[in-house]
Amino acid sequence: LTPLVATYHWGDLRWGVGLVELALAVVLVWLSYACDRWWVLAAAGVQLASVIVIALSATPLDIQIWASVTVRLAVWLQLMILALFGVVEARRAPYAARTGLRS
């Protein structure tokens, strides 16, 4: 969704991207309460860090644009690594295996 809302901005604040990031954080926090997987909780924490960086860029503090983008890229990389661990866990962990289903 980010490319679709990237043009919505107010000065230097890209509020469209901020709303997408906030919505993803809300969904991940809800999922961390709804299921008992460690990687969802970690992904929610990483996504909340991204929302905090966007919120800090809206303040009058002198935050460099490159620092904000670099932190968000690092957060995105961490989310992708956690998603990969989630897929591996769902496929390999003995406690996550389906039972009683035909293959």
C-alpha atoms as a PDB file:
ATOM      1  CA  LEU A   1       0.000   0.000   0.000  1.00  0.00           C
ATOM      2  CA  THR A   2       2.906   2.349   0.566  1.00  0.00           C
ATOM      3  CA  PRO A   3       3.443   3.210  -3.131  1.00  0.00           C
ATOM      4  CA  LEU A   4      -0.266   4.011  -3.458  1.00  0.00           C
ATOM      5  CA  VAL A   5      -0.272   6.506  -0.570  1.00  0.00           C
ATOM      6  CA  ALA A   6       3.271   7.897  -0.876  1.00  0.00           C
ATOM      7  CA  THR A   7       2.015  11.023  -2.641  1.00  0.00           C
ATOM      8  CA  TYR A   8      -0.136  12.060   0.343  1.00  0.00           C
ATOM      9  CA  HIS A   9       2.017  14.383   2.388  1.00  0.00           C
ATOM     10  CA  TRP A  10       1.827  17.561   4.371  1.00  0.00           C
ATOM     11  CA  GLY A  11       5.132  19.383   4.122  1.00  0.00           C
ATOM     12  CA  ASP A  12       7.799  16.799   4.889  1.00  0.00           C
ATOM     13  CA  LEU A  13       5.375  14.507   6.752  1.00  0.00           C
ATOM     14  CA  ARG A  14       4.118  11.650   4.610  1.00  0.00           C
ATOM     15  CA  TRP A  15       0.885  11.061   6.498  1.00  0.00           C
ATOM     16  CA  GLY A  16      -0.398   8.426   4.055  1.00  0.00           C
ATOM     17  CA  VAL A  17       2.595   6.208   4.743  1.00  0.00           C
ATOM     18  CA  GLY A  18       2.228   6.919   8.450  1.00  0.00           C
ATOM     19  CA  LEU A  19      -1.378   5.708   8.434  1.00  0.00           C
ATOM     20  CA  VAL A  20      -0.405   2.494   6.622  1.00  0.00           C
ATOM     21  CA  GLU A  21       2.396   1.887   9.131  1.00  0.00           C
ATOM     22  CA  LEU A  22       0.043   2.551  12.042  1.00  0.00           C
ATOM     23  CA  ALA A  23      -2.618   0.204  10.626  1.00  0.00           C
ATOM     24  CA  LEU A  24      -0.038  -2.576  10.243  1.00  0.00           C
ATOM     25  CA  ALA A  25       1.140  -1.996  13.824  1.00  0.00           C
ATOM     26  CA  VAL A  26      -2.446  -2.257  15.112  1.00  0.00           C
ATOM     27  CA  VAL A  27      -3.009  -5.496  13.194  1.00  0.00           C
ATOM     28  CA  LEU A  28       0.251  -7.012  14.449  1.00  0.00           C
ATOM     29  CA  VAL A  29      -0.460  -6.034  18.072  1.00  0.00           C
ATOM     30  CA  TRP A  30      -3.925  -7.574  17.777  1.00  0.00           C
ATOM     31  CA  LEU A  31      -2.442 -10.742  16.275  1.00  0.00           C
ATOM     32  CA  SER A  32       0.119 -10.953  19.065  1.00  0.00           C
ATOM     33  CA  TYR A  33      -2.764 -11.058  21.556  1.00  0.00           C
ATOM     34  CA  ALA A  34      -4.838 -13.461  19.447  1.00  0.00           C
ATOM     35  CA  CYS A  35      -2.177 -16.112  18.836  1.00  0.00           C
ATOM     36  CA  ASP A  36       0.740 -17.455  20.815  1.00  0.00           C
ATOM     37  CA  ARG A  37       3.589 -17.158  18.363  1.00  0.00           C
ATOM     38  CA  TRP A  38       6.800 -15.414  19.424  1.00  0.00           C
ATOM     39  CA  TRP A  39       7.583 -13.966  16.023  1.00  0.00           C
ATOM     40  CA  VAL A  40       4.264 -12.074  15.814  1.00  0.00           C
ATOM     41  CA  LEU A  41       5.055 -10.344  19.104  1.00  0.00           C
ATOM     42  CA  ALA A  42       8.544  -9.469  17.851  1.00  0.00           C
ATOM     43  CA  ALA A  43       7.118  -8.193  14.532  1.00  0.00           C
ATOM     44  CA  ALA A  44       4.642  -5.997  16.428  1.00  0.00           C
ATOM     45  CA  GLY A  45       7.490  -4.471  18.443  1.00  0.00           C
ATOM     46  CA  VAL A  46       9.563  -3.801  15.347  1.00  0.00           C
ATOM     47  CA  GLN A  47       6.579  -2.236  13.578  1.00  0.00           C
ATOM     48  CA  LEU A  48       5.883  -0.018  16.571  1.00  0.00           C
ATOM     49  CA  ALA A  49       9.469   1.249  16.285  1.00  0.00           C
ATOM     50  CA  SER A  50       8.702   2.253  12.698  1.00  0.00           C
ATOM     51  CA  VAL A  51       5.569   4.124  13.803  1.00  0.00           C
ATOM     52  CA  ILE A  52       7.598   5.945  16.467  1.00  0.00           C
ATOM     53  CA  VAL A  53      10.157   7.045  13.863  1.00  0.00           C
ATOM     54  CA  ILE A  54       7.391   8.427  11.647  1.00  0.00           C
ATOM     55  CA  ALA A  55       5.833  10.214  14.636  1.00  0.00           C
ATOM     56  CA  LEU A  56       9.204  11.739  15.533  1.00  0.00           C
ATOM     57  CA  SER A  57       9.566  13.047  11.997  1.00  0.00           C
ATOM     58  CA  ALA A  58       6.342  15.020  12.542  1.00  0.00           C
ATOM     59  CA  THR A  59       7.830  16.872  15.524  1.00  0.00           C
ATOM     60  CA  PRO A  60       9.898  20.045  15.182  1.00  0.00           C
ATOM     61  CA  LEU A  61      13.005  18.093  16.243  1.00  0.00           C
ATOM     62  CA  ASP A  62      15.864  18.234  13.772  1.00  0.00           C
ATOM     63  CA  ILE A  63      15.747  14.644  12.540  1.00  0.00           C
ATOM     64  CA  GLN A  64      17.627  13.999   9.349  1.00  0.00           C
ATOM     65  CA  ILE A  65      15.624  12.451   6.522  1.00  0.00           C
ATOM     66  CA  TRP A  66      18.327   9.882   5.760  1.00  0.00           C
ATOM     67  CA  ALA A  67      18.341   8.704   9.380  1.00  0.00           C
ATOM     68  CA  SER A  68      14.583   8.222   9.339  1.00  0.00           C
ATOM     69  CA  VAL A  69      14.672   6.307   6.063  1.00  0.00           C
ATOM     70  CA  THR A  70      17.614   4.176   7.225  1.00  0.00           C
ATOM     71  CA  VAL A  71      15.850   3.204  10.436  1.00  0.00           C
ATOM     72  CA  ARG A  72      12.678   2.324   8.527  1.00  0.00           C
ATOM     73  CA  LEU A  73      14.658   0.200   6.064  1.00  0.00           C
ATOM     74  CA  ALA A  74      16.265  -1.652   8.974  1.00  0.00           C
ATOM     75  CA  VAL A  75      12.817  -2.173  10.497  1.00  0.00           C
ATOM     76  CA  TRP A  76      11.515  -3.516   7.175  1.00  0.00           C
ATOM     77  CA  LEU A  77      14.438  -5.951   6.975  1.00  0.00           C
ATOM     78  CA  GLN A  78      13.753  -7.157  10.517  1.00  0.00           C
ATOM     79  CA  LEU A  79      10.080  -7.690   9.677  1.00  0.00           C
ATOM     80  CA  MET A  80      10.980  -9.763   6.633  1.00  0.00           C
ATOM     81  CA  ILE A  81      13.412 -11.911   8.647  1.00  0.00           C
ATOM     82  CA  LEU A  82      10.764 -12.457  11.344  1.00  0.00           C
ATOM     83  CA  ALA A  83       8.209 -13.416   8.689  1.00  0.00           C
ATOM     84  CA  LEU A  84      10.686 -15.943   7.295  1.00  0.00           C
ATOM     85  CA  PHE A  85      11.161 -17.432  10.767  1.00  0.00           C
ATOM     86  CA  GLY A  86       7.384 -17.592  11.117  1.00  0.00           C
ATOM     87  CA  VAL A  87       7.021 -19.586   7.909  1.00  0.00           C
ATOM     88  CA  VAL A  88       9.819 -21.950   8.931  1.00  0.00           C
ATOM     89  CA  GLU A  89       8.227 -22.416  12.351  1.00  0.00           C
ATOM     90  CA  ALA A  90       4.808 -23.134  10.853  1.00  0.00           C
ATOM     91  CA  ARG A  91       6.269 -25.770   8.533  1.00  0.00           C
ATOM     92  CA  ARG A  92       8.906 -27.418  10.738  1.00  0.00           C
ATOM     93  CA  ALA A  93       7.923 -27.100  14.394  1.00  0.00           C
ATOM     94  CA  PRO A  94       6.388 -30.302  15.787  1.00  0.00           C
ATOM     95  CA  TYR A  95       3.882 -28.387  17.916  1.00  0.00           C
ATOM     96  CA  ALA A  96       2.617 -26.466  14.862  1.00  0.00           C
ATOM     97  CA  ALA A  97       2.021 -29.584  12.730  1.00  0.00           C
ATOM     98  CA  ARG A  98      -1.496 -30.368  11.578  1.00  0.00           C
ATOM     99  CA  THR A  99      -2.916 -33.608  12.857  1.00  0.00           C
ATOM    100  CA  GLY A 100      -5.776 -35.671  11.513  1.00  0.00           C
ATOM    101  CA  LEU A 101      -5.697 -34.161   8.004  1.00  0.00           C
ATOM    102  CA  ARG A 102      -5.132 -36.002   4.766  1.00  0.00           C
ATOM    103  CA  SER A 103      -2.211 -34.934   2.631  1.00  0.00           C
END
